[in-house]
Amino acid sequence: MMYQVFLSILETFIVFGFGALAWKLRMIETGDLDKLSRLTLDMFFPMLTFSTITRTFDPNRLTELWVMPLLGIALMLFGAGAGWVFKRLMKSKGHGREGTFHHICAINNYVFLPIIVLQNIYGERHVALLLLMNVGSTIGFWTIGVLTLTGGGSLSKTMKSIFSINVAAVAAALLVSFLHIPLPEALNYTFQYLGNITVPLMLVVIGVALVGCFRGMLENWYDMLLLSVVRLVLIPVALLLLLRLLPLPEEAYQVAAVVALMPAASSSVLIAKRYGGDPDFAGRAIILTTLFSLGTIPFLMALFLPA
């Protein structure tokens, strides 16, 4: 198990490394990040969302699997609640750090790492359940995730942030699925083909954004340690205990449990940059929580998900 988790995390850092190399070779400049972030988040990400939902969401199985999207939202709501409590213990506040701390507590790496871990340990059926759960997670990401950063200060700004093209992509995909609207094969293929670019491109862009974060790894060390403990230990343990109390099918529990164990979302640095958070704080959190998860994920899986 440790080996599969290690390979999953190593894969992430290798792609980060190619982003850093592209920056070093001046293929991508730091000033390009805003445009590349917009390209990734506003064009390719919605295509990935639409393509994934329309291909994997079967309305006919809604009575059987309705709980999966709800679990995706519930995990984020619980994390947001924990973040609201624990951000008060931070020592270095301001400059969007509190919102970024709150965001990372709510939003973890709910897609990329879990897919690799579930595929390696359980197989395709669990991956399919994860993708169904991702319907709720995507809604949570663009609502709860945005609200943790904006703080809901300006209602008009917050509503504009929430009702983004990504939420529209979720709504459109669900509409197509429920109404069984046939789409041209060329359109389906194009959305799937371009959507598949999202994760590797996002990781490359994040690799560029993380270049400057390594210099200040010991900065705000107390807050980083606090965030790591909350994100990797306190929230997962509480969630796993609560999930065990629910009458969930074993496969649904296993998928939700694996997602609960994941470190900070790789996209946090881009989202923090867009919605007024602290991208440097987010970058350091991604690096540290991902590294620490090499130990916490196998340990907690051995405790709560024995083979």
C-alpha atoms as a PDB file:
ATOM      1  CA  MET A   1       0.000   0.000   0.000  1.00  0.00           C
ATOM      2  CA  MET A   2       2.816   2.364   0.914  1.00  0.00           C
ATOM      3  CA  TYR A   3       4.364   1.676  -2.477  1.00  0.00           C
ATOM      4  CA  GLN A   4       1.201   2.623  -4.414  1.00  0.00           C
ATOM      5  CA  VAL A   5       0.774   5.832  -2.412  1.00  0.00           C
ATOM      6  CA  PHE A   6       4.440   6.697  -2.929  1.00  0.00           C
ATOM      7  CA  LEU A   7       4.151   6.191  -6.698  1.00  0.00           C
ATOM      8  CA  SER A   8       1.010   8.338  -6.827  1.00  0.00           C
ATOM      9  CA  ILE A   9       2.688  11.219  -5.007  1.00  0.00           C
ATOM     10  CA  LEU A  10       5.939  10.779  -6.947  1.00  0.00           C
ATOM     11  CA  GLU A  11       3.977  11.116 -10.200  1.00  0.00           C
ATOM     12  CA  THR A  12       2.582  14.443  -8.989  1.00  0.00           C
ATOM     13  CA  PHE A  13       6.002  15.832  -8.088  1.00  0.00           C
ATOM     14  CA  ILE A  14       7.536  14.663 -11.375  1.00  0.00           C
ATOM     15  CA  VAL A  15       4.979  16.731 -13.305  1.00  0.00           C
ATOM     16  CA  PHE A  16       5.579  19.662 -10.921  1.00  0.00           C
ATOM     17  CA  GLY A  17       9.244  19.263 -11.803  1.00  0.00           C
ATOM     18  CA  PHE A  18       8.554  19.593 -15.526  1.00  0.00           C
ATOM     19  CA  GLY A  19       6.714  22.834 -14.777  1.00  0.00           C
ATOM     20  CA  ALA A  20       9.715  24.114 -12.850  1.00  0.00           C
ATOM     21  CA  LEU A  21      11.992  23.029 -15.712  1.00  0.00           C
ATOM     22  CA  ALA A  22       9.814  24.881 -18.219  1.00  0.00           C
ATOM     23  CA  TRP A  23      10.193  27.993 -16.037  1.00  0.00           C
ATOM     24  CA  LYS A  24      13.957  27.483 -15.784  1.00  0.00           C
ATOM     25  CA  LEU A  25      14.259  27.186 -19.580  1.00  0.00           C
ATOM     26  CA  ARG A  26      12.050  30.278 -19.963  1.00  0.00           C
ATOM     27  CA  MET A  27       9.399  28.328 -21.838  1.00  0.00           C
ATOM     28  CA  ILE A  28       6.910  29.672 -19.299  1.00  0.00           C
ATOM     29  CA  GLU A  29       7.410  32.967 -17.492  1.00  0.00           C
ATOM     30  CA  THR A  30       5.956  33.788 -14.093  1.00  0.00           C
ATOM     31  CA  GLY A  31       3.933  36.509 -15.794  1.00  0.00           C
ATOM     32  CA  ASP A  32       2.211  33.844 -17.904  1.00  0.00           C
ATOM     33  CA  LEU A  33       0.592  32.210 -14.866  1.00  0.00           C
ATOM     34  CA  ASP A  34      -2.600  34.280 -14.881  1.00  0.00           C
ATOM     35  CA  LYS A  35      -3.341  33.496 -18.526  1.00  0.00           C
ATOM     36  CA  LEU A  36      -2.433  29.825 -18.161  1.00  0.00           C
ATOM     37  CA  SER A  37      -4.563  29.587 -15.020  1.00  0.00           C
ATOM     38  CA  ARG A  38      -7.530  31.065 -16.873  1.00  0.00           C
ATOM     39  CA  LEU A  39      -6.972  28.673 -19.776  1.00  0.00           C
ATOM     40  CA  THR A  40      -6.881  25.703 -17.400  1.00  0.00           C
ATOM     41  CA  LEU A  41      -9.690  26.691 -15.031  1.00  0.00           C
ATOM     42  CA  ASP A  42     -12.100  28.384 -17.438  1.00  0.00           C
ATOM     43  CA  MET A  43     -11.694  26.313 -20.600  1.00  0.00           C
ATOM     44  CA  PHE A  44     -10.247  22.848 -20.033  1.00  0.00           C
ATOM     45  CA  PHE A  45     -11.579  22.241 -16.487  1.00  0.00           C
ATOM     46  CA  PRO A  46     -15.250  22.750 -17.540  1.00  0.00           C
ATOM     47  CA  MET A  47     -14.694  20.357 -20.450  1.00  0.00           C
ATOM     48  CA  LEU A  48     -13.260  17.740 -18.070  1.00  0.00           C
ATOM     49  CA  THR A  49     -16.213  18.218 -15.714  1.00  0.00           C
ATOM     50  CA  PHE A  50     -18.820  17.975 -18.475  1.00  0.00           C
ATOM     51  CA  SER A  51     -17.166  15.004 -20.154  1.00  0.00           C
ATOM     52  CA  THR A  52     -16.657  13.056 -16.907  1.00  0.00           C
ATOM     53  CA  ILE A  53     -20.229  13.516 -15.676  1.00  0.00           C
ATOM     54  CA  THR A  54     -21.922  12.749 -18.992  1.00  0.00           C
ATOM     55  CA  ARG A  55     -19.807   9.613 -19.452  1.00  0.00           C
ATOM     56  CA  THR A  56     -20.023   8.189 -15.923  1.00  0.00           C
ATOM     57  CA  PHE A  57     -23.250   9.476 -14.350  1.00  0.00           C
ATOM     58  CA  ASP A  58     -26.174   7.090 -14.912  1.00  0.00           C
ATOM     59  CA  PRO A  59     -29.492   8.598 -13.735  1.00  0.00           C
ATOM     60  CA  ASN A  60     -31.036   5.107 -13.770  1.00  0.00           C
ATOM     61  CA  ARG A  61     -28.795   4.158 -10.829  1.00  0.00           C
ATOM     62  CA  LEU A  62     -29.657   7.279  -8.856  1.00  0.00           C
ATOM     63  CA  THR A  63     -31.721   5.389  -6.266  1.00  0.00           C
ATOM     64  CA  GLU A  64     -28.735   3.105  -5.673  1.00  0.00           C
ATOM     65  CA  LEU A  65     -25.875   5.600  -5.817  1.00  0.00           C
ATOM     66  CA  TRP A  66     -27.429   8.956  -4.835  1.00  0.00           C
ATOM     67  CA  VAL A  67     -25.330   9.001  -1.686  1.00  0.00           C
ATOM     68  CA  MET A  68     -21.998   9.396  -3.549  1.00  0.00           C
ATOM     69  CA  PRO A  69     -22.438  13.037  -4.725  1.00  0.00           C
ATOM     70  CA  LEU A  70     -23.806  13.919  -1.271  1.00  0.00           C
ATOM     71  CA  LEU A  71     -20.702  12.430   0.330  1.00  0.00           C
ATOM     72  CA  GLY A  72     -18.533  14.601  -1.916  1.00  0.00           C
ATOM     73  CA  ILE A  73     -20.250  17.768  -0.674  1.00  0.00           C
ATOM     74  CA  ALA A  74     -20.478  16.534   2.936  1.00  0.00           C
ATOM     75  CA  LEU A  75     -16.723  15.919   3.215  1.00  0.00           C
ATOM     76  CA  MET A  76     -16.050  19.482   2.073  1.00  0.00           C
ATOM     77  CA  LEU A  77     -18.662  20.952   4.413  1.00  0.00           C
ATOM     78  CA  PHE A  78     -17.108  19.111   7.351  1.00  0.00           C
ATOM     79  CA  GLY A  79     -13.625  20.300   6.375  1.00  0.00           C
ATOM     80  CA  ALA A  80     -14.908  23.869   6.041  1.00  0.00           C
ATOM     81  CA  GLY A  81     -16.408  23.668   9.525  1.00  0.00           C
ATOM     82  CA  ALA A  82     -13.140  22.377  10.968  1.00  0.00           C
ATOM     83  CA  GLY A  83     -11.188  25.073   9.130  1.00  0.00           C
ATOM     84  CA  TRP A  84     -13.497  27.790  10.505  1.00  0.00           C
ATOM     85  CA  VAL A  85     -12.611  26.604  14.035  1.00  0.00           C
ATOM     86  CA  PHE A  86      -8.887  25.961  13.661  1.00  0.00           C
ATOM     87  CA  LYS A  87      -7.979  29.052  11.618  1.00  0.00           C
ATOM     88  CA  ARG A  88      -8.432  31.008  14.845  1.00  0.00           C
ATOM     89  CA  LEU A  89      -5.293  29.307  16.165  1.00  0.00           C
ATOM     90  CA  MET A  90      -3.116  30.737  13.378  1.00  0.00           C
ATOM     91  CA  LYS A  91      -0.282  33.043  14.433  1.00  0.00           C
ATOM     92  CA  SER A  92       0.351  34.775  11.113  1.00  0.00           C
ATOM     93  CA  LYS A  93      -2.873  36.217   9.711  1.00  0.00           C
ATOM     94  CA  GLY A  94      -3.692  38.662   6.944  1.00  0.00           C
ATOM     95  CA  HIS A  95      -2.783  38.756   3.246  1.00  0.00           C
ATOM     96  CA  GLY A  96      -5.419  36.108   2.538  1.00  0.00           C
ATOM     97  CA  ARG A  97      -3.727  33.466   4.718  1.00  0.00           C
ATOM     98  CA  GLU A  98      -6.771  32.761   6.905  1.00  0.00           C
ATOM     99  CA  GLY A  99      -8.944  32.208   3.862  1.00  0.00           C
ATOM    100  CA  THR A 100      -6.302  29.969   2.295  1.00  0.00           C
ATOM    101  CA  PHE A 101      -5.986  27.926   5.523  1.00  0.00           C
ATOM    102  CA  HIS A 102      -9.792  27.607   5.593  1.00  0.00           C
ATOM    103  CA  HIS A 103      -9.896  26.627   1.912  1.00  0.00           C
ATOM    104  CA  ILE A 104      -7.298  23.865   2.279  1.00  0.00           C
ATOM    105  CA  CYS A 105      -9.150  22.421   5.268  1.00  0.00           C
ATOM    106  CA  ALA A 106     -12.302  22.249   3.127  1.00  0.00           C
ATOM    107  CA  ILE A 107     -10.840  21.247  -0.236  1.00  0.00           C
ATOM    108  CA  ASN A 108      -8.301  18.478  -0.541  1.00  0.00           C
ATOM    109  CA  ASN A 109      -6.954  16.489  -3.485  1.00  0.00           C
ATOM    110  CA  TYR A 110     -10.291  14.824  -4.246  1.00  0.00           C
ATOM    111  CA  VAL A 111      -9.639  13.664  -7.831  1.00  0.00           C
ATOM    112  CA  PHE A 112      -6.086  13.103  -9.031  1.00  0.00           C
ATOM    113  CA  LEU A 113      -4.459  11.200  -6.148  1.00  0.00           C
ATOM    114  CA  PRO A 114      -7.587   9.204  -5.190  1.00  0.00           C
ATOM    115  CA  ILE A 115      -7.950   7.938  -8.772  1.00  0.00           C
ATOM    116  CA  ILE A 116      -4.415   6.535  -8.725  1.00  0.00           C
ATOM    117  CA  VAL A 117      -4.714   5.096  -5.195  1.00  0.00           C
ATOM    118  CA  LEU A 118      -8.140   3.507  -5.789  1.00  0.00           C
ATOM    119  CA  GLN A 119      -7.074   2.115  -9.170  1.00  0.00           C
ATOM    120  CA  ASN A 120      -3.969   0.513  -7.696  1.00  0.00           C
ATOM    121  CA  ILE A 121      -5.627  -0.901  -4.561  1.00  0.00           C
ATOM    122  CA  TYR A 122      -9.288  -1.624  -5.401  1.00  0.00           C
ATOM    123  CA  GLY A 123      -9.805  -1.384  -9.172  1.00  0.00           C
ATOM    124  CA  GLU A 124     -12.111   0.178 -11.756  1.00  0.00           C
ATOM    125  CA  ARG A 125     -15.402  -0.161  -9.851  1.00  0.00           C
ATOM    126  CA  HIS A 126     -14.122   2.069  -7.051  1.00  0.00           C
ATOM    127  CA  VAL A 127     -12.820   4.599  -9.596  1.00  0.00           C
ATOM    128  CA  ALA A 128     -16.301   4.741 -11.167  1.00  0.00           C
ATOM    129  CA  LEU A 129     -17.799   5.470  -7.733  1.00  0.00           C
ATOM    130  CA  LEU A 130     -15.201   8.198  -7.201  1.00  0.00           C
ATOM    131  CA  LEU A 131     -16.176   9.856 -10.479  1.00  0.00           C
ATOM    132  CA  LEU A 132     -19.820   9.798  -9.398  1.00  0.00           C
ATOM    133  CA  MET A 133     -18.829  11.270  -6.044  1.00  0.00           C
ATOM    134  CA  ASN A 134     -16.939  13.901  -8.016  1.00  0.00           C
ATOM    135  CA  VAL A 135     -20.261  15.368  -9.191  1.00  0.00           C
ATOM    136  CA  GLY A 136     -20.876  16.550  -5.624  1.00  0.00           C
ATOM    137  CA  SER A 137     -17.207  17.382  -5.062  1.00  0.00           C
ATOM    138  CA  THR A 138     -17.139  19.630  -8.128  1.00  0.00           C
ATOM    139  CA  ILE A 139     -20.200  21.531  -6.899  1.00  0.00           C
ATOM    140  CA  GLY A 140     -18.585  21.811  -3.455  1.00  0.00           C
ATOM    141  CA  PHE A 141     -15.292  22.991  -4.921  1.00  0.00           C
ATOM    142  CA  TRP A 142     -16.860  25.908  -6.801  1.00  0.00           C
ATOM    143  CA  THR A 143     -19.212  26.900  -3.965  1.00  0.00           C
ATOM    144  CA  ILE A 144     -17.766  25.975  -0.566  1.00  0.00           C
ATOM    145  CA  GLY A 145     -14.200  26.268  -1.866  1.00  0.00           C
ATOM    146  CA  VAL A 146     -14.765  29.754  -3.266  1.00  0.00           C
ATOM    147  CA  LEU A 147     -16.662  30.949  -0.174  1.00  0.00           C
ATOM    148  CA  THR A 148     -13.813  29.939   2.142  1.00  0.00           C
ATOM    149  CA  LEU A 149     -11.519  32.268   0.199  1.00  0.00           C
ATOM    150  CA  THR A 150     -13.881  35.186  -0.396  1.00  0.00           C
ATOM    151  CA  GLY A 151     -15.385  34.969   3.072  1.00  0.00           C
ATOM    152  CA  GLY A 152     -18.703  35.973   1.549  1.00  0.00           C
ATOM    153  CA  GLY A 153     -17.707  39.617   2.068  1.00  0.00           C
ATOM    154  CA  SER A 154     -19.143  41.127  -1.098  1.00  0.00           C
ATOM    155  CA  LEU A 155     -22.382  39.358  -1.984  1.00  0.00           C
ATOM    156  CA  SER A 156     -22.221  40.310  -5.662  1.00  0.00           C
ATOM    157  CA  LYS A 157     -18.581  39.230  -5.964  1.00  0.00           C
ATOM    158  CA  THR A 158     -19.242  35.979  -4.109  1.00  0.00           C
ATOM    159  CA  MET A 159     -22.281  35.122  -6.227  1.00  0.00           C
ATOM    160  CA  LYS A 160     -20.330  35.893  -9.395  1.00  0.00           C
ATOM    161  CA  SER A 161     -17.523  33.613  -8.195  1.00  0.00           C
ATOM    162  CA  ILE A 162     -19.905  30.779  -7.340  1.00  0.00           C
ATOM    163  CA  PHE A 163     -21.962  30.937 -10.535  1.00  0.00           C
ATOM    164  CA  SER A 164     -18.909  30.338 -12.679  1.00  0.00           C
ATOM    165  CA  ILE A 165     -18.497  28.468 -15.930  1.00  0.00           C
ATOM    166  CA  ASN A 166     -17.504  25.377 -13.932  1.00  0.00           C
ATOM    167  CA  VAL A 167     -20.806  25.277 -12.037  1.00  0.00           C
ATOM    168  CA  ALA A 168     -22.553  25.857 -15.377  1.00  0.00           C
ATOM    169  CA  ALA A 169     -20.675  22.835 -16.757  1.00  0.00           C
ATOM    170  CA  VAL A 170     -21.964  20.665 -13.878  1.00  0.00           C
ATOM    171  CA  ALA A 171     -25.536  21.899 -14.431  1.00  0.00           C
ATOM    172  CA  ALA A 172     -25.339  21.335 -18.199  1.00  0.00           C
ATOM    173  CA  ALA A 173     -23.891  17.837 -17.765  1.00  0.00           C
ATOM    174  CA  LEU A 174     -26.603  16.819 -15.278  1.00  0.00           C
ATOM    175  CA  LEU A 175     -29.287  18.221 -17.602  1.00  0.00           C
ATOM    176  CA  VAL A 176     -27.913  16.219 -20.532  1.00  0.00           C
ATOM    177  CA  SER A 177     -27.720  13.078 -18.376  1.00  0.00           C
ATOM    178  CA  PHE A 178     -31.203  13.302 -16.839  1.00  0.00           C
ATOM    179  CA  LEU A 179     -32.953  14.252 -20.094  1.00  0.00           C
ATOM    180  CA  HIS A 180     -30.903  11.767 -22.143  1.00  0.00           C
ATOM    181  CA  ILE A 181     -30.040  14.486 -24.641  1.00  0.00           C
ATOM    182  CA  PRO A 182     -27.921  13.020 -27.446  1.00  0.00           C
ATOM    183  CA  LEU A 183     -24.788  14.977 -28.265  1.00  0.00           C
ATOM    184  CA  PRO A 184     -22.831  14.821 -31.522  1.00  0.00           C
ATOM    185  CA  GLU A 185     -20.029  12.277 -31.292  1.00  0.00           C
ATOM    186  CA  ALA A 186     -17.504  14.876 -32.462  1.00  0.00           C
ATOM    187  CA  LEU A 187     -18.499  17.188 -29.595  1.00  0.00           C
ATOM    188  CA  ASN A 188     -18.276  14.391 -27.023  1.00  0.00           C
ATOM    189  CA  TYR A 189     -14.851  13.381 -28.299  1.00  0.00           C
ATOM    190  CA  THR A 190     -13.586  16.983 -28.352  1.00  0.00           C
ATOM    191  CA  PHE A 191     -14.692  17.654 -24.766  1.00  0.00           C
ATOM    192  CA  GLN A 192     -13.133  14.398 -23.576  1.00  0.00           C
ATOM    193  CA  TYR A 193      -9.913  14.935 -25.531  1.00  0.00           C
ATOM    194  CA  LEU A 194      -9.422  18.527 -24.342  1.00  0.00           C
ATOM    195  CA  GLY A 195     -10.659  17.720 -20.846  1.00  0.00           C
ATOM    196  CA  ASN A 196      -7.926  15.109 -20.492  1.00  0.00           C
ATOM    197  CA  ILE A 197      -5.382  17.931 -20.856  1.00  0.00           C
ATOM    198  CA  THR A 198      -6.612  19.547 -17.629  1.00  0.00           C
ATOM    199  CA  VAL A 199      -4.800  17.572 -14.931  1.00  0.00           C
ATOM    200  CA  PRO A 200      -1.316  17.405 -16.540  1.00  0.00           C
ATOM    201  CA  LEU A 201      -1.492  21.046 -17.680  1.00  0.00           C
ATOM    202  CA  MET A 202      -2.694  22.155 -14.261  1.00  0.00           C
ATOM    203  CA  LEU A 203       0.173  20.298 -12.564  1.00  0.00           C
ATOM    204  CA  VAL A 204       2.710  21.871 -14.950  1.00  0.00           C
ATOM    205  CA  VAL A 205       1.310  25.359 -14.248  1.00  0.00           C
ATOM    206  CA  ILE A 206       1.331  24.632 -10.514  1.00  0.00           C
ATOM    207  CA  GLY A 207       4.951  23.506 -10.835  1.00  0.00           C
ATOM    208  CA  VAL A 208       5.790  26.977 -12.174  1.00  0.00           C
ATOM    209  CA  ALA A 209       3.809  28.612  -9.364  1.00  0.00           C
ATOM    210  CA  LEU A 210       5.602  26.502  -6.738  1.00  0.00           C
ATOM    211  CA  VAL A 211       9.106  27.556  -7.825  1.00  0.00           C
ATOM    212  CA  GLY A 212       9.153  30.520  -5.473  1.00  0.00           C
ATOM    213  CA  CYS A 213       7.579  28.616  -2.580  1.00  0.00           C
ATOM    214  CA  PHE A 214      10.615  26.459  -1.827  1.00  0.00           C
ATOM    215  CA  ARG A 215      12.638  29.492  -0.717  1.00  0.00           C
ATOM    216  CA  GLY A 216      10.280  30.208   2.181  1.00  0.00           C
ATOM    217  CA  MET A 217       9.449  26.689   3.329  1.00  0.00           C
ATOM    218  CA  LEU A 218      10.193  27.534   6.988  1.00  0.00           C
ATOM    219  CA  GLU A 219       8.157  30.733   6.850  1.00  0.00           C
ATOM    220  CA  ASN A 220       4.992  30.580   9.008  1.00  0.00           C
ATOM    221  CA  TRP A 221       6.157  27.139  10.166  1.00  0.00           C
ATOM    222  CA  TYR A 222       3.696  27.023  13.085  1.00  0.00           C
ATOM    223  CA  ASP A 223       0.707  27.671  10.813  1.00  0.00           C
ATOM    224  CA  MET A 224       2.011  25.134   8.286  1.00  0.00           C
ATOM    225  CA  LEU A 225       2.376  22.483  10.996  1.00  0.00           C
ATOM    226  CA  LEU A 226      -1.083  23.307  12.352  1.00  0.00           C
ATOM    227  CA  LEU A 227      -2.617  23.056   8.888  1.00  0.00           C
ATOM    228  CA  SER A 228      -0.846  19.765   8.170  1.00  0.00           C
ATOM    229  CA  VAL A 229      -2.108  18.187  11.410  1.00  0.00           C
ATOM    230  CA  VAL A 230      -5.659  19.425  10.835  1.00  0.00           C
ATOM    231  CA  ARG A 231      -5.794  18.465   7.129  1.00  0.00           C
ATOM    232  CA  LEU A 232      -4.009  15.111   7.379  1.00  0.00           C
ATOM    233  CA  VAL A 233      -4.959  13.796  10.834  1.00  0.00           C
ATOM    234  CA  LEU A 234      -7.795  15.542  12.678  1.00  0.00           C
ATOM    235  CA  ILE A 235     -10.233  15.970   9.787  1.00  0.00           C
ATOM    236  CA  PRO A 236      -9.669  12.474   8.295  1.00  0.00           C
ATOM    237  CA  VAL A 237      -9.916  10.645  11.638  1.00  0.00           C
ATOM    238  CA  ALA A 238     -13.116  12.474  12.574  1.00  0.00           C
ATOM    239  CA  LEU A 239     -14.599  11.823   9.122  1.00  0.00           C
ATOM    240  CA  LEU A 240     -13.670   8.135   9.099  1.00  0.00           C
ATOM    241  CA  LEU A 241     -15.280   7.620  12.511  1.00  0.00           C
ATOM    242  CA  LEU A 242     -18.431   9.430  11.371  1.00  0.00           C
ATOM    243  CA  LEU A 243     -18.578   7.551   8.056  1.00  0.00           C
ATOM    244  CA  ARG A 244     -18.441   4.235   9.940  1.00  0.00           C
ATOM    245  CA  LEU A 245     -21.621   5.219  11.770  1.00  0.00           C
ATOM    246  CA  LEU A 246     -23.521   5.631   8.485  1.00  0.00           C
ATOM    247  CA  PRO A 247     -25.245   2.671   6.775  1.00  0.00           C
ATOM    248  CA  LEU A 248     -23.017   2.939   3.699  1.00  0.00           C
ATOM    249  CA  PRO A 249     -22.170   0.127   1.296  1.00  0.00           C
ATOM    250  CA  GLU A 250     -18.606  -0.998   1.952  1.00  0.00           C
ATOM    251  CA  GLU A 251     -17.386   0.220  -1.452  1.00  0.00           C
ATOM    252  CA  ALA A 252     -18.889   3.682  -0.878  1.00  0.00           C
ATOM    253  CA  TYR A 253     -17.209   3.848   2.541  1.00  0.00           C
ATOM    254  CA  GLN A 254     -13.844   2.842   1.075  1.00  0.00           C
ATOM    255  CA  VAL A 255     -14.012   5.508  -1.662  1.00  0.00           C
ATOM    256  CA  ALA A 256     -15.096   8.274   0.729  1.00  0.00           C
ATOM    257  CA  ALA A 257     -12.450   7.213   3.249  1.00  0.00           C
ATOM    258  CA  VAL A 258      -9.632   7.365   0.694  1.00  0.00           C
ATOM    259  CA  VAL A 259     -10.752  10.844  -0.417  1.00  0.00           C
ATOM    260  CA  ALA A 260     -10.882  12.019   3.215  1.00  0.00           C
ATOM    261  CA  LEU A 261      -7.209  11.056   3.681  1.00  0.00           C
ATOM    262  CA  MET A 262      -5.866  13.138   0.810  1.00  0.00           C
ATOM    263  CA  PRO A 263      -3.530  16.177   1.205  1.00  0.00           C
ATOM    264  CA  ALA A 264      -4.120  19.735  -0.026  1.00  0.00           C
ATOM    265  CA  ALA A 265      -5.512  20.030  -3.534  1.00  0.00           C
ATOM    266  CA  SER A 266      -2.859  20.777  -6.146  1.00  0.00           C
ATOM    267  CA  SER A 267      -5.157  23.435  -7.599  1.00  0.00           C
ATOM    268  CA  SER A 268      -5.187  25.412  -4.328  1.00  0.00           C
ATOM    269  CA  VAL A 269      -2.375  27.700  -5.433  1.00  0.00           C
ATOM    270  CA  LEU A 270      -4.259  28.717  -8.600  1.00  0.00           C
ATOM    271  CA  ILE A 271      -7.591  29.152  -6.806  1.00  0.00           C
ATOM    272  CA  ALA A 272      -5.963  31.167  -4.017  1.00  0.00           C
ATOM    273  CA  LYS A 273      -4.364  33.435  -6.598  1.00  0.00           C
ATOM    274  CA  ARG A 274      -7.688  34.034  -8.342  1.00  0.00           C
ATOM    275  CA  TYR A 275      -9.942  34.560  -5.313  1.00  0.00           C
ATOM    276  CA  GLY A 276      -7.807  36.683  -3.006  1.00  0.00           C
ATOM    277  CA  GLY A 277      -5.959  34.035  -1.005  1.00  0.00           C
ATOM    278  CA  ASP A 278      -2.231  33.671  -0.389  1.00  0.00           C
ATOM    279  CA  PRO A 279      -0.786  31.557  -3.266  1.00  0.00           C
ATOM    280  CA  ASP A 280       2.637  31.239  -1.597  1.00  0.00           C
ATOM    281  CA  PHE A 281       1.033  29.890   1.586  1.00  0.00           C
ATOM    282  CA  ALA A 282      -1.051  27.531  -0.548  1.00  0.00           C
ATOM    283  CA  GLY A 283       2.028  26.386  -2.474  1.00  0.00           C
ATOM    284  CA  ARG A 284       3.941  25.535   0.690  1.00  0.00           C
ATOM    285  CA  ALA A 285       0.877  23.730   2.046  1.00  0.00           C
ATOM    286  CA  ILE A 286       0.638  21.618  -1.120  1.00  0.00           C
ATOM    287  CA  ILE A 287       4.299  20.596  -0.863  1.00  0.00           C
ATOM    288  CA  LEU A 288       4.303  19.831   2.867  1.00  0.00           C
ATOM    289  CA  THR A 289       0.933  18.090   3.177  1.00  0.00           C
ATOM    290  CA  THR A 290       1.667  15.973   0.102  1.00  0.00           C
ATOM    291  CA  LEU A 291       5.034  14.914   1.526  1.00  0.00           C
ATOM    292  CA  PHE A 292       3.605  14.247   5.005  1.00  0.00           C
ATOM    293  CA  SER A 293       0.783  12.209   3.447  1.00  0.00           C
ATOM    294  CA  LEU A 294       3.380   9.597   2.473  1.00  0.00           C
ATOM    295  CA  GLY A 295       3.187   8.570   6.115  1.00  0.00           C
ATOM    296  CA  THR A 296      -0.346   9.504   7.136  1.00  0.00           C
ATOM    297  CA  ILE A 297      -2.250   7.878   4.238  1.00  0.00           C
ATOM    298  CA  PRO A 298      -0.793   4.333   4.643  1.00  0.00           C
ATOM    299  CA  PHE A 299      -1.003   4.559   8.454  1.00  0.00           C
ATOM    300  CA  LEU A 300      -4.640   5.651   8.557  1.00  0.00           C
ATOM    301  CA  MET A 301      -5.616   3.243   5.770  1.00  0.00           C
ATOM    302  CA  ALA A 302      -4.081   0.397   7.810  1.00  0.00           C
ATOM    303  CA  LEU A 303      -6.171   1.510  10.818  1.00  0.00           C
ATOM    304  CA  PHE A 304      -9.490   2.200   9.107  1.00  0.00           C
ATOM    305  CA  LEU A 305      -9.287   0.273   5.821  1.00  0.00           C
ATOM    306  CA  PRO A 306      -7.551  -3.007   6.578  1.00  0.00           C
ATOM    307  CA  ALA A 307      -7.090  -5.301   3.576  1.00  0.00           C
END
